[in-house]
Protein backbone atom coordinates (compact mmCIF):
# COMPACT_ATOMS: atom_id res chain seq x y z
CA UNK A 1 -107.92 -48.37 24.37
CA UNK A 2 -107.48 -45.10 22.51
CA UNK A 3 -103.78 -45.70 21.95
CA UNK A 4 -104.44 -49.21 20.70
CA UNK A 5 -107.06 -47.93 18.27
CA UNK A 6 -104.72 -45.24 17.03
CA UNK A 7 -101.92 -47.74 16.49
CA UNK A 8 -104.26 -50.11 14.66
CA UNK A 9 -105.53 -47.36 12.38
CA UNK A 10 -102.02 -46.17 11.53
CA UNK A 11 -100.69 -49.61 10.59
CA UNK A 12 -101.73 -49.47 6.88
CA UNK A 13 -100.12 -46.05 6.44
CA UNK A 14 -96.92 -47.29 8.10
CA UNK A 15 -96.81 -50.26 5.74
CA UNK A 16 -97.35 -48.01 2.73
CA UNK A 17 -94.55 -45.73 3.88
CA UNK A 18 -92.19 -48.68 4.35
CA UNK A 19 -93.01 -49.97 0.87
CA UNK A 20 -92.35 -46.55 -0.65
CA UNK A 21 -89.03 -46.26 1.19
CA UNK A 22 -87.94 -49.77 0.17
CA UNK A 23 -88.93 -48.96 -3.42
CA UNK A 24 -86.83 -45.80 -3.36
CA UNK A 25 -83.87 -47.69 -1.90
CA UNK A 26 -84.14 -50.26 -4.70
CA UNK A 27 -84.29 -47.50 -7.34
CA UNK A 28 -81.08 -46.00 -5.96
CA UNK A 29 -79.13 -49.28 -6.24
CA UNK A 30 -77.33 -50.74 -9.23
CA UNK A 31 -79.91 -53.53 -9.29
CA UNK A 32 -82.74 -51.01 -9.55
CA UNK A 33 -80.91 -49.21 -12.36
CA UNK A 34 -80.42 -52.46 -14.28
CA UNK A 35 -84.10 -53.35 -13.90
CA UNK A 36 -84.94 -50.07 -15.59
CA UNK A 37 -82.41 -50.83 -18.33
CA UNK A 38 -83.61 -54.37 -19.02
CA UNK A 39 -87.34 -53.45 -18.79
CA UNK A 40 -88.59 -56.92 -17.79
CA UNK A 41 -92.17 -55.91 -18.57
CA UNK A 42 -91.26 -55.14 -22.19
CA UNK A 43 -89.18 -58.33 -22.43
CA UNK A 44 -92.15 -60.32 -21.12
CA UNK A 45 -94.42 -58.74 -23.72
CA UNK A 46 -91.95 -59.63 -26.50
CA UNK A 47 -91.94 -63.26 -25.26
CA UNK A 48 -95.74 -63.62 -25.43
CA UNK A 49 -95.87 -64.58 -29.15
CA UNK A 50 -93.61 -67.55 -28.36
CA UNK A 51 -96.06 -68.49 -25.58
CA UNK A 52 -98.88 -68.58 -28.12
CA UNK A 53 -96.77 -70.58 -30.57
CA UNK A 54 -96.02 -73.10 -27.83
CA UNK A 55 -99.68 -73.26 -26.79
CA UNK A 56 -100.83 -73.87 -30.38
CA UNK A 57 -98.27 -76.66 -30.69
CA UNK A 58 -99.40 -78.27 -27.42
CA UNK A 59 -103.05 -77.90 -28.51
CA UNK A 60 -102.27 -79.58 -31.82
CA UNK A 61 -100.61 -82.56 -30.13
CA UNK A 62 -102.90 -82.68 -27.11
CA UNK A 63 -99.90 -82.70 -24.74
CA UNK A 64 -97.21 -80.34 -23.44
CA UNK A 65 -93.48 -80.97 -23.53
CA UNK A 66 -92.48 -78.88 -20.52
CA UNK A 67 -88.72 -79.20 -21.05
CA UNK A 68 -88.73 -77.83 -24.60
CA UNK A 69 -91.29 -75.21 -23.53
CA UNK A 70 -88.93 -73.96 -20.81
CA UNK A 71 -85.90 -73.77 -23.13
CA UNK A 72 -87.87 -72.04 -25.92
CA UNK A 73 -89.41 -69.37 -23.70
CA UNK A 74 -86.21 -68.83 -21.72
CA UNK A 75 -84.17 -68.33 -24.90
CA UNK A 76 -86.56 -65.70 -26.24
CA UNK A 77 -87.07 -63.91 -22.90
CA UNK A 78 -83.33 -63.67 -22.23
CA UNK A 79 -82.67 -62.44 -25.78
CA UNK A 80 -85.38 -59.78 -25.27
CA UNK A 81 -83.58 -58.64 -22.11
CA UNK A 82 -80.33 -58.48 -24.05
CA UNK A 83 -82.00 -56.47 -26.78
CA UNK A 84 -83.21 -53.94 -24.19
CA UNK A 85 -79.69 -53.58 -22.80
CA UNK A 86 -78.11 -53.07 -26.24
CA UNK A 87 -80.82 -50.55 -27.18
CA UNK A 88 -80.18 -48.51 -24.03
CA UNK A 89 -76.44 -48.60 -24.76
CA UNK A 90 -76.76 -47.55 -28.39
CA UNK A 91 -79.27 -44.76 -27.65
CA UNK A 92 -76.70 -43.12 -25.41
CA UNK A 93 -73.88 -43.70 -27.89
CA UNK A 94 -76.06 -42.13 -30.60
CA UNK A 95 -76.43 -39.00 -28.46
CA UNK A 96 -72.63 -38.60 -28.38
CA UNK A 97 -72.30 -38.33 -32.16
CA UNK A 98 -71.08 -34.95 -33.44
CA UNK A 99 -74.32 -34.34 -35.35
CA UNK A 100 -76.58 -35.09 -32.35
CA UNK A 101 -78.29 -32.23 -30.52
CA UNK A 102 -78.20 -31.92 -26.71
CA UNK A 103 -80.94 -34.13 -25.30
CA UNK A 104 -82.34 -35.37 -22.01
CA UNK A 105 -84.78 -38.01 -20.83
CA UNK A 106 -86.97 -38.50 -17.80
CA UNK A 107 -85.05 -38.73 -14.49
CA UNK A 108 -84.12 -42.29 -13.65
CA UNK A 109 -84.34 -43.51 -17.24
CA UNK A 110 -81.44 -45.60 -18.61
CA UNK A 111 -80.48 -42.70 -20.88
CA UNK A 112 -80.39 -40.21 -17.97
CA UNK A 113 -78.45 -42.62 -15.74
CA UNK A 114 -75.74 -42.94 -18.39
CA UNK A 115 -75.63 -39.17 -18.86
CA UNK A 116 -75.18 -38.70 -15.12
CA UNK A 117 -72.40 -41.30 -14.98
CA UNK A 118 -74.37 -43.62 -12.67
CA UNK A 119 -74.31 -46.36 -15.32
CA UNK A 120 -71.31 -47.04 -17.54
CA UNK A 121 -72.27 -47.69 -21.19
CA UNK A 122 -69.70 -50.49 -21.33
CA UNK A 123 -71.59 -52.29 -18.55
CA UNK A 124 -74.79 -52.27 -20.62
CA UNK A 125 -72.91 -53.54 -23.67
CA UNK A 126 -71.31 -56.37 -21.68
CA UNK A 127 -74.58 -57.38 -20.03
CA UNK A 128 -76.28 -57.43 -23.42
CA UNK A 129 -73.53 -59.69 -24.78
CA UNK A 130 -73.80 -62.04 -21.78
CA UNK A 131 -77.57 -62.27 -22.10
CA UNK A 132 -77.35 -63.09 -25.80
CA UNK A 133 -74.72 -65.74 -24.99
CA UNK A 134 -77.10 -67.29 -22.45
CA UNK A 135 -79.94 -67.21 -24.98
CA UNK A 136 -77.69 -68.92 -27.51
CA UNK A 137 -76.94 -71.73 -25.06
CA UNK A 138 -80.67 -72.23 -24.48
CA UNK A 139 -81.20 -72.34 -28.25
CA UNK A 140 -78.49 -74.99 -28.66
CA UNK A 141 -80.04 -77.16 -25.97
CA UNK A 142 -83.42 -76.72 -27.62
CA UNK A 143 -81.93 -77.76 -30.97
CA UNK A 144 -80.49 -80.92 -29.39
CA UNK A 145 -83.94 -81.78 -28.08
CA UNK A 146 -86.00 -80.88 -31.16
CA UNK A 147 -83.92 -80.27 -34.28
CA UNK A 148 -81.83 -77.72 -36.21
CA UNK A 149 -84.71 -75.49 -37.49
CA UNK A 150 -84.92 -73.74 -34.11
CA UNK A 151 -81.29 -72.71 -34.57
CA UNK A 152 -82.20 -71.20 -37.94
CA UNK A 153 -85.12 -69.25 -36.45
CA UNK A 154 -82.93 -68.12 -33.57
CA UNK A 155 -80.00 -67.11 -35.78
CA UNK A 156 -82.20 -64.97 -38.04
CA UNK A 157 -83.82 -63.37 -34.98
CA UNK A 158 -80.39 -62.68 -33.46
CA UNK A 159 -79.11 -61.04 -36.65
CA UNK A 160 -82.21 -58.84 -36.80
CA UNK A 161 -81.87 -57.72 -33.17
CA UNK A 162 -78.15 -56.99 -33.35
CA UNK A 163 -78.44 -55.39 -36.78
CA UNK A 164 -81.24 -53.17 -35.51
CA UNK A 165 -79.18 -51.45 -32.81
CA UNK A 166 -75.44 -51.90 -33.33
CA UNK A 167 -73.23 -50.23 -35.95
CA UNK A 168 -72.50 -50.34 -38.77
CA UNK A 169 -76.01 -51.44 -39.72
CA UNK A 170 -78.21 -50.14 -36.81
CA UNK A 171 -81.21 -50.01 -39.15
CA UNK A 172 -83.57 -49.11 -36.27
CA UNK A 173 -82.00 -45.63 -36.36
CA UNK A 174 -82.38 -45.10 -40.12
CA UNK A 175 -86.14 -44.60 -40.35
CA UNK A 176 -88.82 -45.92 -42.71
CA UNK A 177 -90.25 -48.07 -39.90
CA UNK A 178 -87.35 -50.53 -40.24
CA UNK A 179 -86.78 -50.76 -36.50
CA UNK A 180 -90.42 -51.49 -35.69
CA UNK A 181 -90.67 -53.96 -38.57
CA UNK A 182 -87.52 -55.75 -37.40
CA UNK A 183 -88.91 -56.16 -33.89
CA UNK A 184 -92.17 -57.50 -35.31
CA UNK A 185 -90.38 -60.13 -37.41
CA UNK A 186 -87.88 -61.18 -34.71
CA UNK A 187 -90.40 -61.49 -31.90
CA UNK A 188 -93.41 -62.28 -34.09
CA UNK A 189 -93.30 -64.95 -36.83
CA UNK A 190 -89.85 -66.25 -35.85
CA UNK A 191 -90.77 -66.58 -32.17
CA UNK A 192 -94.12 -68.16 -33.05
CA UNK A 193 -92.41 -70.76 -35.23
CA UNK A 194 -89.80 -71.43 -32.53
CA UNK A 195 -92.46 -72.07 -29.90
CA UNK A 196 -94.51 -74.27 -32.21
CA UNK A 197 -91.54 -76.28 -33.45
CA UNK A 198 -90.33 -76.83 -29.88
CA UNK A 199 -93.57 -78.71 -29.20
CA UNK A 200 -94.26 -80.45 -32.50
CA UNK A 201 -90.92 -80.66 -34.41
CA UNK A 202 -92.93 -79.39 -37.38
CA UNK A 203 -93.31 -76.12 -39.28
CA UNK A 204 -96.79 -74.78 -39.98
CA UNK A 205 -98.55 -71.54 -40.89
CA UNK A 206 -101.17 -72.14 -38.17
CA UNK A 207 -99.15 -70.73 -35.23
CA UNK A 208 -98.10 -67.73 -37.32
CA UNK A 209 -101.70 -66.91 -38.21
CA UNK A 210 -103.04 -67.65 -34.72
CA UNK A 211 -100.31 -65.66 -32.99
CA UNK A 212 -100.10 -62.69 -35.33
CA UNK A 213 -102.52 -60.58 -33.21
CA UNK A 214 -100.38 -61.19 -30.11
CA UNK A 215 -97.23 -60.39 -32.08
CA UNK A 216 -98.78 -57.11 -33.16
CA UNK A 217 -99.76 -56.23 -29.58
CA UNK A 218 -96.20 -57.04 -28.42
CA UNK A 219 -94.75 -54.79 -31.13
CA UNK A 220 -97.11 -52.01 -30.05
CA UNK A 221 -95.46 -52.09 -26.62
CA UNK A 222 -92.19 -51.02 -28.26
CA UNK A 223 -93.98 -48.53 -30.51
CA UNK A 224 -95.53 -46.96 -27.41
CA UNK A 225 -92.06 -46.77 -25.86
CA UNK A 226 -90.93 -44.91 -28.99
CA UNK A 227 -93.80 -42.45 -28.51
CA UNK A 228 -92.55 -41.72 -25.01
CA UNK A 229 -89.00 -41.00 -26.21
CA UNK A 230 -89.92 -39.27 -29.49
CA UNK A 231 -88.38 -35.88 -28.71
CA UNK A 232 -85.17 -37.37 -27.39
CA UNK A 233 -84.94 -39.67 -30.41
CA UNK A 234 -85.41 -36.70 -32.75
CA UNK A 235 -82.58 -34.83 -31.02
CA UNK A 236 -80.12 -37.71 -31.16
CA UNK A 237 -80.99 -38.67 -34.74
CA UNK A 238 -82.89 -41.90 -34.11
CA UNK A 239 -85.60 -41.99 -36.78
CA UNK A 240 -88.41 -44.03 -35.25
CA UNK A 241 -91.97 -43.85 -36.58
CA UNK A 242 -93.02 -41.11 -34.10
CA UNK A 243 -90.03 -39.03 -35.24
CA UNK A 244 -90.90 -39.48 -38.92
CA UNK A 245 -94.69 -39.20 -38.67
CA UNK A 246 -95.00 -36.89 -35.70
CA UNK A 247 -96.44 -38.01 -32.37
CA UNK A 248 -100.06 -37.27 -33.34
CA UNK A 249 -100.01 -39.44 -36.48
CA UNK A 250 -97.96 -42.10 -34.70
CA UNK A 251 -100.59 -42.24 -31.97
CA UNK A 252 -103.27 -42.69 -34.63
CA UNK A 253 -101.23 -45.48 -36.19
CA UNK A 254 -100.89 -47.21 -32.82
CA UNK A 255 -104.64 -47.04 -32.27
CA UNK A 256 -105.34 -48.41 -35.76
CA UNK A 257 -102.89 -51.28 -35.30
CA UNK A 258 -104.34 -52.08 -31.88
CA UNK A 259 -107.81 -52.41 -33.39
CA UNK A 260 -106.32 -54.46 -36.25
CA UNK A 261 -104.81 -56.90 -33.73
CA UNK A 262 -108.20 -57.60 -32.20
CA UNK A 263 -109.83 -57.83 -35.61
CA UNK A 264 -107.14 -60.41 -36.36
CA UNK A 265 -108.32 -62.58 -33.46
CA UNK A 266 -111.80 -62.60 -34.96
CA UNK A 267 -110.49 -63.32 -38.46
CA UNK A 268 -108.20 -66.13 -37.31
CA UNK A 269 -111.01 -67.82 -35.41
CA UNK A 270 -113.29 -67.68 -38.46
CA UNK A 271 -110.76 -68.55 -41.19
CA UNK A 272 -108.69 -71.26 -39.48
CA UNK A 273 -109.40 -74.30 -37.37
CA UNK A 274 -108.82 -72.42 -34.12
CA UNK A 275 -111.53 -73.17 -31.52
CA UNK A 276 -114.40 -70.78 -30.98
CA UNK A 277 -113.14 -70.23 -27.44
CA UNK A 278 -110.22 -68.30 -29.00
CA UNK A 279 -112.58 -65.33 -29.26
CA UNK A 280 -112.10 -64.88 -25.51
CA UNK A 281 -109.04 -62.81 -26.44
CA UNK A 282 -111.39 -60.04 -27.56
CA UNK A 283 -112.34 -59.41 -23.93
CA UNK A 284 -109.29 -57.18 -23.42
CA UNK A 285 -110.21 -54.79 -26.25
CA UNK A 286 -111.52 -52.09 -23.83
CA UNK A 287 -108.29 -52.32 -21.83
CA UNK A 288 -106.17 -51.83 -24.94
CA UNK A 289 -108.23 -49.06 -26.54
CA UNK A 290 -109.25 -47.19 -23.38
CA UNK A 291 -105.90 -45.48 -22.87
CA UNK A 292 -106.05 -43.78 -26.28
CA UNK A 293 -109.10 -41.81 -25.16
CA UNK A 294 -107.04 -40.24 -22.36
CA UNK A 295 -104.20 -39.04 -24.62
CA UNK A 296 -104.78 -35.78 -26.56
CA UNK A 297 -103.30 -36.05 -30.05
CA UNK A 298 -101.70 -32.62 -29.74
CA UNK A 299 -100.04 -33.38 -26.42
CA UNK A 300 -98.37 -36.79 -26.38
CA UNK A 301 -96.01 -36.27 -23.45
CA UNK A 302 -93.37 -38.81 -22.36
CA UNK A 303 -95.48 -39.62 -19.29
CA UNK A 304 -98.49 -40.41 -21.48
CA UNK A 305 -96.34 -42.48 -23.80
CA UNK A 306 -95.14 -44.58 -20.88
CA UNK A 307 -98.72 -44.91 -19.63
CA UNK A 308 -99.70 -46.25 -23.07
CA UNK A 309 -96.76 -48.67 -22.96
CA UNK A 310 -97.96 -50.00 -19.59
CA UNK A 311 -101.50 -50.41 -20.92
CA UNK A 312 -100.25 -52.29 -23.98
CA UNK A 313 -98.15 -54.62 -21.82
CA UNK A 314 -101.25 -55.45 -19.76
CA UNK A 315 -103.41 -55.89 -22.87
CA UNK A 316 -100.87 -58.20 -24.53
CA UNK A 317 -100.41 -60.23 -21.35
CA UNK A 318 -104.09 -60.76 -20.54
CA UNK A 319 -104.98 -61.41 -24.17
CA UNK A 320 -102.33 -64.13 -24.24
CA UNK A 321 -103.63 -65.60 -20.97
CA UNK A 322 -107.18 -65.77 -22.35
CA UNK A 323 -106.08 -67.28 -25.67
CA UNK A 324 -103.92 -69.90 -23.94
CA UNK A 325 -106.81 -70.74 -21.60
CA UNK A 326 -109.09 -71.09 -24.64
CA UNK A 327 -106.68 -73.58 -26.22
CA UNK A 328 -106.40 -75.49 -22.94
CA UNK A 329 -110.18 -75.76 -22.56
CA UNK A 330 -110.67 -76.95 -26.13
CA UNK A 331 -107.67 -79.26 -26.41
CA UNK A 332 -108.34 -82.64 -28.04
CA UNK A 333 -109.17 -85.48 -25.67
């Protein structure tokens, strides 16, 4: 009896140990390294504005076209993965410039893996190119189903993403908030219009206005990532907002923009014909703002920056879920 009790009590700890060991084995594989490069959580967050655009379109029509929904969201999600791969590639290439200072990143990061020779930069470049090719195919199929405007939205978004990270333009490295603004435009208004047009075959300001708060929250995920890598970016010459403003002021800016996003949900519900249920998106405000209270302005470490990124991913995701549910509940008919 005693042995049986002991074995029963130790089962949860054995399971936890097995999960930790399997997690470590995954991290040590090429697949685990590529997951860290592609950052699926960030790519998901950048796809959320298109989800809102699609939901507004379906709410407007009172029906969902699941085929065009799948192609629209897949095109944007895959392009977001490609953007992550190209960014990781170019960050390392930037560190090899003659004017760059010696720099490091957290162990296991894409930057550190390339420094250690565990990931070849050419692999990241090729994967990024393949992912963008797959996204382009999805966009072409979507255009065949809905019309040429989605190709226009996709082409502009593609030019912004590639121009942001790859030479000779690589405007995300030049400062003045150009990189953050480019991400906001590519994965904000353009993605919102793509999702809406995929459902309605029409262009309207309604999805842009309704989805702007979600677009801002998605952009804040990337801005939080920039907070985490601020010192490394300064050393390699990548002039993100935290590098230009300093981490303390950049943290303040993030907090102000987070509050602005939720104020936008309130404003959109009052000023447009969005249903009153749309205010349900405000329920995640404590989740989004709570992390800022745990980060001292004078000590924004990489670990705290990544913690803020995780919190913003969760806030953007659950806000989108609540807003989509609100549209579903209040759909016509």
